[in-house]
Amino acid sequence: MKLTDFKVLTFDCYGTLIDWETGIWNALQPLISAGQLKLDREEALARFGTLETELEEAGPSLRYSTLLAAVHARLAKDLGVHIHADLNERFGGSVPDWPAFPDSAEALAYLKRHYKLVILSNVDRTSFAASNRKLGVTFDAIYTAEDIGSYKPDPRNFAHLLAHLDTDLGLKPGDVLHTAQSLFHDHVPAERAGLARAWIDRRFGMAGSGATQIPANQPKVDFHFKSMVELAEAHRRATRD
């Protein structure tokens, strides 16, 4: 299997292209300050990841900004911090402030010359539009949880992706390389959907799993890179071989 075998890269966005862990941590600072909490980054991210998964499973049709606000409210309650509801809403609307990884835009610009690029994201369209401006590329298709009515790792999200790649772009599963950071949200269901996978291992060398859950069984991946720039460089080498 070679990187040049594929016609489309389907991307998770948050954690892969957008540095959602830094974004989440920054957006939690008002809560941490209000409660005068001694909460380190990794514990905060782990708590967020657990609550996010619970609420996504309980409310698959919730708009992501609404779900984020609910996660924040639950986190404040669990930590024993009394806050005004405005802080929950502010956290829910924080996605546009989450930074892109420094290598994302340049790598995407290169990859756009060789592949169709598609987003499969757990956010809503308004939140993604703000992030898209930071990525500096026009995606060939964008499929969000808001469109689908469920959140990854629900298999419905990948069924939606494959159905629309066929009808919208004329692409088959064998044309697809799903490219993502989260083993839990993306690689497990993508493996079950029969897709080839590239792991952008943004947490390489770090303990724990940050804001994502740890899957019961780690899926196999076809390609493993620590960054988007590594993926782009591997493609350059493949085209020279």
C-alpha atoms as a PDB file:
ATOM      1  CA  MET A   1       0.000   0.000   0.000  1.00  0.00           C
ATOM      2  CA  LYS A   2       1.334   3.427  -1.019  1.00  0.00           C
ATOM      3  CA  LEU A   3       0.182   6.987  -0.378  1.00  0.00           C
ATOM      4  CA  THR A   4      -0.163   7.422  -4.118  1.00  0.00           C
ATOM      5  CA  ASP A   5      -2.825   4.687  -4.258  1.00  0.00           C
ATOM      6  CA  PHE A   6      -5.588   7.046  -3.061  1.00  0.00           C
ATOM      7  CA  LYS A   7      -7.718   9.754  -4.659  1.00  0.00           C
ATOM      8  CA  VAL A   8      -9.128  11.410  -1.545  1.00  0.00           C
ATOM      9  CA  LEU A   9      -7.953  12.166   1.973  1.00  0.00           C
ATOM     10  CA  THR A  10     -10.844  12.315   4.442  1.00  0.00           C
ATOM     11  CA  PHE A  11      -9.913  14.234   7.550  1.00  0.00           C
ATOM     12  CA  ASP A  12     -10.943  14.521  11.100  1.00  0.00           C
ATOM     13  CA  CYS A  13     -10.351  18.197  11.872  1.00  0.00           C
ATOM     14  CA  TYR A  14     -10.111  18.721  15.638  1.00  0.00           C
ATOM     15  CA  GLY A  15      -7.008  17.110  17.046  1.00  0.00           C
ATOM     16  CA  THR A  16      -5.655  16.503  13.549  1.00  0.00           C
ATOM     17  CA  LEU A  17      -5.672  19.895  11.812  1.00  0.00           C
ATOM     18  CA  ILE A  18      -6.886  22.159  14.629  1.00  0.00           C
ATOM     19  CA  ASP A  19      -5.125  21.987  18.005  1.00  0.00           C
ATOM     20  CA  TRP A  20      -8.278  21.329  19.974  1.00  0.00           C
ATOM     21  CA  GLU A  21      -6.456  20.361  23.177  1.00  0.00           C
ATOM     22  CA  THR A  22      -4.798  23.770  23.386  1.00  0.00           C
ATOM     23  CA  GLY A  23      -8.126  25.362  22.448  1.00  0.00           C
ATOM     24  CA  ILE A  24     -10.009  23.454  25.141  1.00  0.00           C
ATOM     25  CA  TRP A  25      -7.368  24.181  27.775  1.00  0.00           C
ATOM     26  CA  ASN A  26      -7.382  27.896  26.968  1.00  0.00           C
ATOM     27  CA  ALA A  27     -11.176  28.028  27.017  1.00  0.00           C
ATOM     28  CA  LEU A  28     -11.256  26.334  30.449  1.00  0.00           C
ATOM     29  CA  GLN A  29      -9.150  29.030  32.093  1.00  0.00           C
ATOM     30  CA  PRO A  30     -12.109  31.181  33.288  1.00  0.00           C
ATOM     31  CA  LEU A  31     -13.596  28.131  35.043  1.00  0.00           C
ATOM     32  CA  ILE A  32     -10.268  27.190  36.588  1.00  0.00           C
ATOM     33  CA  SER A  33      -9.739  30.747  37.781  1.00  0.00           C
ATOM     34  CA  ALA A  34     -13.290  31.040  39.147  1.00  0.00           C
ATOM     35  CA  GLY A  35     -12.818  27.910  41.218  1.00  0.00           C
ATOM     36  CA  GLN A  36      -9.175  28.622  42.086  1.00  0.00           C
ATOM     37  CA  LEU A  37      -8.566  25.061  40.965  1.00  0.00           C
ATOM     38  CA  LYS A  38      -5.277  23.191  40.993  1.00  0.00           C
ATOM     39  CA  LEU A  39      -6.148  21.310  37.817  1.00  0.00           C
ATOM     40  CA  ASP A  40      -3.364  20.461  35.409  1.00  0.00           C
ATOM     41  CA  ARG A  41      -3.805  20.318  31.652  1.00  0.00           C
ATOM     42  CA  GLU A  42      -3.828  16.538  31.264  1.00  0.00           C
ATOM     43  CA  GLU A  43      -6.393  16.000  34.010  1.00  0.00           C
ATOM     44  CA  ALA A  44      -8.598  18.737  32.582  1.00  0.00           C
ATOM     45  CA  LEU A  45      -8.427  17.242  29.089  1.00  0.00           C
ATOM     46  CA  ALA A  46      -9.177  13.745  30.383  1.00  0.00           C
ATOM     47  CA  ARG A  47     -12.203  15.010  32.307  1.00  0.00           C
ATOM     48  CA  PHE A  48     -13.388  16.872  29.225  1.00  0.00           C
ATOM     49  CA  GLY A  49     -12.995  13.788  27.029  1.00  0.00           C
ATOM     50  CA  THR A  50     -15.019  11.582  29.357  1.00  0.00           C
ATOM     51  CA  LEU A  51     -17.871  14.077  29.637  1.00  0.00           C
ATOM     52  CA  GLU A  52     -17.885  14.883  25.931  1.00  0.00           C
ATOM     53  CA  THR A  53     -18.245  11.200  25.022  1.00  0.00           C
ATOM     54  CA  GLU A  54     -21.054  10.701  27.554  1.00  0.00           C
ATOM     55  CA  LEU A  55     -23.020  13.669  26.233  1.00  0.00           C
ATOM     56  CA  GLU A  56     -22.437  12.791  22.573  1.00  0.00           C
ATOM     57  CA  GLU A  57     -23.845   9.337  23.217  1.00  0.00           C
ATOM     58  CA  ALA A  58     -26.798  10.725  25.200  1.00  0.00           C
ATOM     59  CA  GLY A  59     -27.592  13.578  22.798  1.00  0.00           C
ATOM     60  CA  PRO A  60     -26.420  12.672  19.292  1.00  0.00           C
ATOM     61  CA  SER A  61     -28.556  15.369  17.666  1.00  0.00           C
ATOM     62  CA  LEU A  62     -27.277  18.196  19.875  1.00  0.00           C
ATOM     63  CA  ARG A  63     -25.467  20.938  17.988  1.00  0.00           C
ATOM     64  CA  TYR A  64     -21.786  20.822  18.989  1.00  0.00           C
ATOM     65  CA  SER A  65     -21.688  24.332  20.453  1.00  0.00           C
ATOM     66  CA  THR A  66     -24.673  23.396  22.648  1.00  0.00           C
ATOM     67  CA  LEU A  67     -23.001  20.146  23.630  1.00  0.00           C
ATOM     68  CA  LEU A  68     -19.802  21.970  24.586  1.00  0.00           C
ATOM     69  CA  ALA A  69     -21.764  24.309  26.835  1.00  0.00           C
ATOM     70  CA  ALA A  70     -23.354  21.277  28.514  1.00  0.00           C
ATOM     71  CA  VAL A  71     -19.927  19.652  28.984  1.00  0.00           C
ATOM     72  CA  HIS A  72     -18.677  22.836  30.647  1.00  0.00           C
ATOM     73  CA  ALA A  73     -21.693  22.971  32.969  1.00  0.00           C
ATOM     74  CA  ARG A  74     -21.188  19.332  33.975  1.00  0.00           C
ATOM     75  CA  LEU A  75     -17.481  19.871  34.521  1.00  0.00           C
ATOM     76  CA  ALA A  76     -18.139  22.891  36.739  1.00  0.00           C
ATOM     77  CA  LYS A  77     -20.656  20.875  38.769  1.00  0.00           C
ATOM     78  CA  ASP A  78     -18.298  17.913  39.123  1.00  0.00           C
ATOM     79  CA  LEU A  79     -15.527  20.240  40.297  1.00  0.00           C
ATOM     80  CA  GLY A  80     -17.835  22.024  42.739  1.00  0.00           C
ATOM     81  CA  VAL A  81     -17.492  25.416  41.064  1.00  0.00           C
ATOM     82  CA  HIS A  82     -20.511  27.745  40.972  1.00  0.00           C
ATOM     83  CA  ILE A  83     -20.440  29.849  37.820  1.00  0.00           C
ATOM     84  CA  HIS A  84     -22.780  32.030  35.812  1.00  0.00           C
ATOM     85  CA  ALA A  85     -24.397  30.323  32.821  1.00  0.00           C
ATOM     86  CA  ASP A  86     -22.644  32.817  30.533  1.00  0.00           C
ATOM     87  CA  LEU A  87     -19.384  30.955  31.114  1.00  0.00           C
ATOM     88  CA  ASN A  88     -20.959  27.775  29.757  1.00  0.00           C
ATOM     89  CA  GLU A  89     -22.129  29.611  26.647  1.00  0.00           C
ATOM     90  CA  ARG A  90     -18.713  31.185  26.183  1.00  0.00           C
ATOM     91  CA  PHE A  91     -17.076  27.778  26.279  1.00  0.00           C
ATOM     92  CA  GLY A  92     -19.671  26.442  23.841  1.00  0.00           C
ATOM     93  CA  GLY A  93     -18.757  29.186  21.401  1.00  0.00           C
ATOM     94  CA  SER A  94     -14.991  28.808  21.777  1.00  0.00           C
ATOM     95  CA  VAL A  95     -14.274  26.605  18.742  1.00  0.00           C
ATOM     96  CA  PRO A  96     -13.503  29.591  16.441  1.00  0.00           C
ATOM     97  CA  ASP A  97     -10.710  30.542  18.869  1.00  0.00           C
ATOM     98  CA  TRP A  98      -9.041  27.109  18.796  1.00  0.00           C
ATOM     99  CA  PRO A  99      -5.715  27.416  16.930  1.00  0.00           C
ATOM    100  CA  ALA A 100      -4.619  25.461  13.891  1.00  0.00           C
ATOM    101  CA  PHE A 101      -1.496  23.356  14.230  1.00  0.00           C
ATOM    102  CA  PRO A 102       1.383  25.320  12.677  1.00  0.00           C
ATOM    103  CA  ASP A 103       1.915  22.779   9.880  1.00  0.00           C
ATOM    104  CA  SER A 104      -1.715  22.222   8.860  1.00  0.00           C
ATOM    105  CA  ALA A 105      -2.252  24.955   6.269  1.00  0.00           C
ATOM    106  CA  GLU A 106       1.025  24.368   4.420  1.00  0.00           C
ATOM    107  CA  ALA A 107       0.551  20.592   4.344  1.00  0.00           C
ATOM    108  CA  LEU A 108      -3.040  20.899   3.141  1.00  0.00           C
ATOM    109  CA  ALA A 109      -2.015  23.299   0.375  1.00  0.00           C
ATOM    110  CA  TYR A 110       0.481  20.715  -0.873  1.00  0.00           C
ATOM    111  CA  LEU A 111      -1.898  17.753  -0.538  1.00  0.00           C
ATOM    112  CA  LYS A 112      -4.670  19.647  -2.345  1.00  0.00           C
ATOM    113  CA  ARG A 113      -2.557  19.432  -5.512  1.00  0.00           C
ATOM    114  CA  HIS A 114      -2.653  15.623  -5.363  1.00  0.00           C
ATOM    115  CA  TYR A 115      -5.907  14.594  -3.688  1.00  0.00           C
ATOM    116  CA  LYS A 116      -9.464  15.630  -3.113  1.00  0.00           C
ATOM    117  CA  LEU A 117      -9.769  16.759   0.516  1.00  0.00           C
ATOM    118  CA  VAL A 118     -12.865  16.021   2.610  1.00  0.00           C
ATOM    119  CA  ILE A 119     -13.791  16.776   6.226  1.00  0.00           C
ATOM    120  CA  LEU A 120     -15.682  14.378   8.510  1.00  0.00           C
ATOM    121  CA  SER A 121     -16.017  16.293  11.776  1.00  0.00           C
ATOM    122  CA  ASN A 122     -17.893  16.096  15.053  1.00  0.00           C
ATOM    123  CA  VAL A 123     -18.582  19.842  15.139  1.00  0.00           C
ATOM    124  CA  ASP A 124     -21.340  21.991  13.641  1.00  0.00           C
ATOM    125  CA  ARG A 125     -21.009  23.850  10.351  1.00  0.00           C
ATOM    126  CA  THR A 126     -20.755  27.327  11.876  1.00  0.00           C
ATOM    127  CA  SER A 127     -17.910  26.293  14.177  1.00  0.00           C
ATOM    128  CA  PHE A 128     -16.095  24.533  11.358  1.00  0.00           C
ATOM    129  CA  ALA A 129     -16.399  27.524   9.021  1.00  0.00           C
ATOM    130  CA  ALA A 130     -14.329  29.603  11.442  1.00  0.00           C
ATOM    131  CA  SER A 131     -11.686  26.875  11.679  1.00  0.00           C
ATOM    132  CA  ASN A 132     -11.644  26.436   7.922  1.00  0.00           C
ATOM    133  CA  ARG A 133     -10.480  30.018   7.486  1.00  0.00           C
ATOM    134  CA  LYS A 134      -7.384  29.162   9.549  1.00  0.00           C
ATOM    135  CA  LEU A 135      -6.647  26.146   7.381  1.00  0.00           C
ATOM    136  CA  GLY A 136      -6.573  28.180   4.170  1.00  0.00           C
ATOM    137  CA  VAL A 137      -7.851  25.484   1.807  1.00  0.00           C
ATOM    138  CA  THR A 138     -11.165  24.789   0.076  1.00  0.00           C
ATOM    139  CA  PHE A 139     -12.339  21.297   0.930  1.00  0.00           C
ATOM    140  CA  ASP A 140     -14.127  19.290  -1.737  1.00  0.00           C
ATOM    141  CA  ALA A 141     -16.802  18.241   0.744  1.00  0.00           C
ATOM    142  CA  ILE A 142     -17.611  18.842   4.409  1.00  0.00           C
ATOM    143  CA  TYR A 143     -19.697  16.424   6.463  1.00  0.00           C
ATOM    144  CA  THR A 144     -20.389  17.339  10.093  1.00  0.00           C
ATOM    145  CA  ALA A 145     -22.197  15.788  13.026  1.00  0.00           C
ATOM    146  CA  GLU A 146     -24.814  18.503  12.542  1.00  0.00           C
ATOM    147  CA  ASP A 147     -25.499  17.125   9.040  1.00  0.00           C
ATOM    148  CA  ILE A 148     -25.501  13.495  10.103  1.00  0.00           C
ATOM    149  CA  GLY A 149     -27.309  13.616  13.453  1.00  0.00           C
ATOM    150  CA  SER A 150     -24.720  11.556  15.321  1.00  0.00           C
ATOM    151  CA  TYR A 151     -21.174  11.828  16.588  1.00  0.00           C
ATOM    152  CA  LYS A 152     -18.157   9.694  15.781  1.00  0.00           C
ATOM    153  CA  PRO A 153     -17.418   6.924  16.658  1.00  0.00           C
ATOM    154  CA  ASP A 154     -21.011   6.095  15.680  1.00  0.00           C
ATOM    155  CA  PRO A 155     -20.772   3.996  12.491  1.00  0.00           C
ATOM    156  CA  ARG A 156     -23.509   6.145  10.935  1.00  0.00           C
ATOM    157  CA  ASN A 157     -20.958   8.914  10.420  1.00  0.00           C
ATOM    158  CA  PHE A 158     -18.733   6.741   8.256  1.00  0.00           C
ATOM    159  CA  ALA A 159     -21.730   5.280   6.423  1.00  0.00           C
ATOM    160  CA  HIS A 160     -22.776   8.858   5.631  1.00  0.00           C
ATOM    161  CA  LEU A 161     -19.253   9.704   4.487  1.00  0.00           C
ATOM    162  CA  LEU A 162     -19.009   6.753   2.113  1.00  0.00           C
ATOM    163  CA  ALA A 163     -22.501   7.220   0.701  1.00  0.00           C
ATOM    164  CA  HIS A 164     -21.865  10.878  -0.059  1.00  0.00           C
ATOM    165  CA  LEU A 165     -18.380  10.344  -1.434  1.00  0.00           C
ATOM    166  CA  ASP A 166     -20.031   8.012  -3.941  1.00  0.00           C
ATOM    167  CA  THR A 167     -22.983  10.221  -4.875  1.00  0.00           C
ATOM    168  CA  ASP A 168     -21.258  13.615  -4.576  1.00  0.00           C
ATOM    169  CA  LEU A 169     -17.755  12.878  -5.868  1.00  0.00           C
ATOM    170  CA  GLY A 170     -17.927   9.470  -7.542  1.00  0.00           C
ATOM    171  CA  LEU A 171     -15.416   7.959  -5.116  1.00  0.00           C
ATOM    172  CA  LYS A 172     -15.356   4.399  -3.788  1.00  0.00           C
ATOM    173  CA  PRO A 173     -14.022   3.097  -0.431  1.00  0.00           C
ATOM    174  CA  GLY A 174     -10.785   1.961  -2.051  1.00  0.00           C
ATOM    175  CA  ASP A 175     -10.095   5.542  -3.126  1.00  0.00           C
ATOM    176  CA  VAL A 176     -10.150   6.783   0.481  1.00  0.00           C
ATOM    177  CA  LEU A 177      -7.371   7.294   3.015  1.00  0.00           C
ATOM    178  CA  HIS A 178      -8.942   8.399   6.290  1.00  0.00           C
ATOM    179  CA  THR A 179      -6.504  10.700   8.078  1.00  0.00           C
ATOM    180  CA  ALA A 180      -6.988  11.427  11.760  1.00  0.00           C
ATOM    181  CA  GLN A 181      -5.457  11.711  15.210  1.00  0.00           C
ATOM    182  CA  SER A 182      -8.083  10.047  17.398  1.00  0.00           C
ATOM    183  CA  LEU A 183      -7.946   6.282  17.549  1.00  0.00           C
ATOM    184  CA  PHE A 184     -11.243   6.255  19.452  1.00  0.00           C
ATOM    185  CA  HIS A 185     -13.311   8.642  17.328  1.00  0.00           C
ATOM    186  CA  ASP A 186     -11.859   7.818  13.920  1.00  0.00           C
ATOM    187  CA  HIS A 187      -9.558   4.859  13.495  1.00  0.00           C
ATOM    188  CA  VAL A 188     -11.743   2.266  15.218  1.00  0.00           C
ATOM    189  CA  PRO A 189     -14.898   3.060  13.185  1.00  0.00           C
ATOM    190  CA  ALA A 190     -12.907   3.693   9.984  1.00  0.00           C
ATOM    191  CA  GLU A 191     -11.303   0.267  10.337  1.00  0.00           C
ATOM    192  CA  ARG A 192     -14.742  -1.286  10.752  1.00  0.00           C
ATOM    193  CA  ALA A 193     -15.889   0.592   7.644  1.00  0.00           C
ATOM    194  CA  GLY A 194     -13.049  -1.023   5.697  1.00  0.00           C
ATOM    195  CA  LEU A 195     -11.062   2.149   5.056  1.00  0.00           C
ATOM    196  CA  ALA A 196      -7.314   2.575   4.819  1.00  0.00           C
ATOM    197  CA  ARG A 197      -6.052   4.859   7.573  1.00  0.00           C
ATOM    198  CA  ALA A 198      -3.241   7.320   8.285  1.00  0.00           C
ATOM    199  CA  TRP A 199      -2.650   8.142  11.943  1.00  0.00           C
ATOM    200  CA  ILE A 200      -1.518  11.713  12.594  1.00  0.00           C
ATOM    201  CA  ASP A 201      -0.141  11.006  16.048  1.00  0.00           C
ATOM    202  CA  ARG A 202      -0.125  14.533  17.474  1.00  0.00           C
ATOM    203  CA  ARG A 203       0.398  13.212  21.017  1.00  0.00           C
ATOM    204  CA  PHE A 204       3.451  11.149  20.066  1.00  0.00           C
ATOM    205  CA  GLY A 205       5.619  10.551  23.119  1.00  0.00           C
ATOM    206  CA  MET A 206       3.002  11.888  25.560  1.00  0.00           C
ATOM    207  CA  ALA A 207       1.369   9.791  28.273  1.00  0.00           C
ATOM    208  CA  GLY A 208      -2.369   9.217  28.254  1.00  0.00           C
ATOM    209  CA  SER A 209      -4.817  10.074  25.508  1.00  0.00           C
ATOM    210  CA  GLY A 210      -5.620  13.713  26.243  1.00  0.00           C
ATOM    211  CA  ALA A 211      -9.136  14.763  25.313  1.00  0.00           C
ATOM    212  CA  THR A 212      -9.987  11.460  23.633  1.00  0.00           C
ATOM    213  CA  GLN A 213     -10.919   8.098  25.064  1.00  0.00           C
ATOM    214  CA  ILE A 214      -8.596   5.099  24.868  1.00  0.00           C
ATOM    215  CA  PRO A 215     -10.186   2.370  22.708  1.00  0.00           C
ATOM    216  CA  ALA A 216     -10.486  -1.064  24.253  1.00  0.00           C
ATOM    217  CA  ASN A 217      -8.456  -2.518  21.393  1.00  0.00           C
ATOM    218  CA  GLN A 218      -5.998  -0.311  19.545  1.00  0.00           C
ATOM    219  CA  PRO A 219      -6.717  -0.516  15.820  1.00  0.00           C
ATOM    220  CA  LYS A 220      -4.042  -1.202  13.270  1.00  0.00           C
ATOM    221  CA  VAL A 221      -3.158   1.716  10.990  1.00  0.00           C
ATOM    222  CA  ASP A 222      -1.698   1.686   7.498  1.00  0.00           C
ATOM    223  CA  PHE A 223       0.451   4.811   7.884  1.00  0.00           C
ATOM    224  CA  HIS A 224       1.772   6.503  11.018  1.00  0.00           C
ATOM    225  CA  PHE A 225       2.988  10.108  11.088  1.00  0.00           C
ATOM    226  CA  LYS A 226       3.636  12.495  13.961  1.00  0.00           C
ATOM    227  CA  SER A 227       2.442  15.546  12.029  1.00  0.00           C
ATOM    228  CA  MET A 228       0.815  16.712   8.824  1.00  0.00           C
ATOM    229  CA  VAL A 229       4.148  17.878   7.504  1.00  0.00           C
ATOM    230  CA  GLU A 230       5.462  14.307   7.859  1.00  0.00           C
ATOM    231  CA  LEU A 231       2.525  13.071   5.772  1.00  0.00           C
ATOM    232  CA  ALA A 232       3.199  15.670   3.076  1.00  0.00           C
ATOM    233  CA  GLU A 233       6.902  14.837   3.009  1.00  0.00           C
ATOM    234  CA  ALA A 234       6.173  11.109   2.760  1.00  0.00           C
ATOM    235  CA  HIS A 235       3.980  11.824  -0.254  1.00  0.00           C
ATOM    236  CA  ARG A 236       6.776  13.855  -1.862  1.00  0.00           C
ATOM    237  CA  ARG A 237       9.160  10.933  -1.398  1.00  0.00           C
ATOM    238  CA  ALA A 238       6.595   8.471  -2.786  1.00  0.00           C
ATOM    239  CA  THR A 239       6.180  10.517  -5.951  1.00  0.00           C
ATOM    240  CA  ARG A 240       9.960  10.585  -6.458  1.00  0.00           C
ATOM    241  CA  ASP A 241      10.385   6.831  -6.080  1.00  0.00           C
END
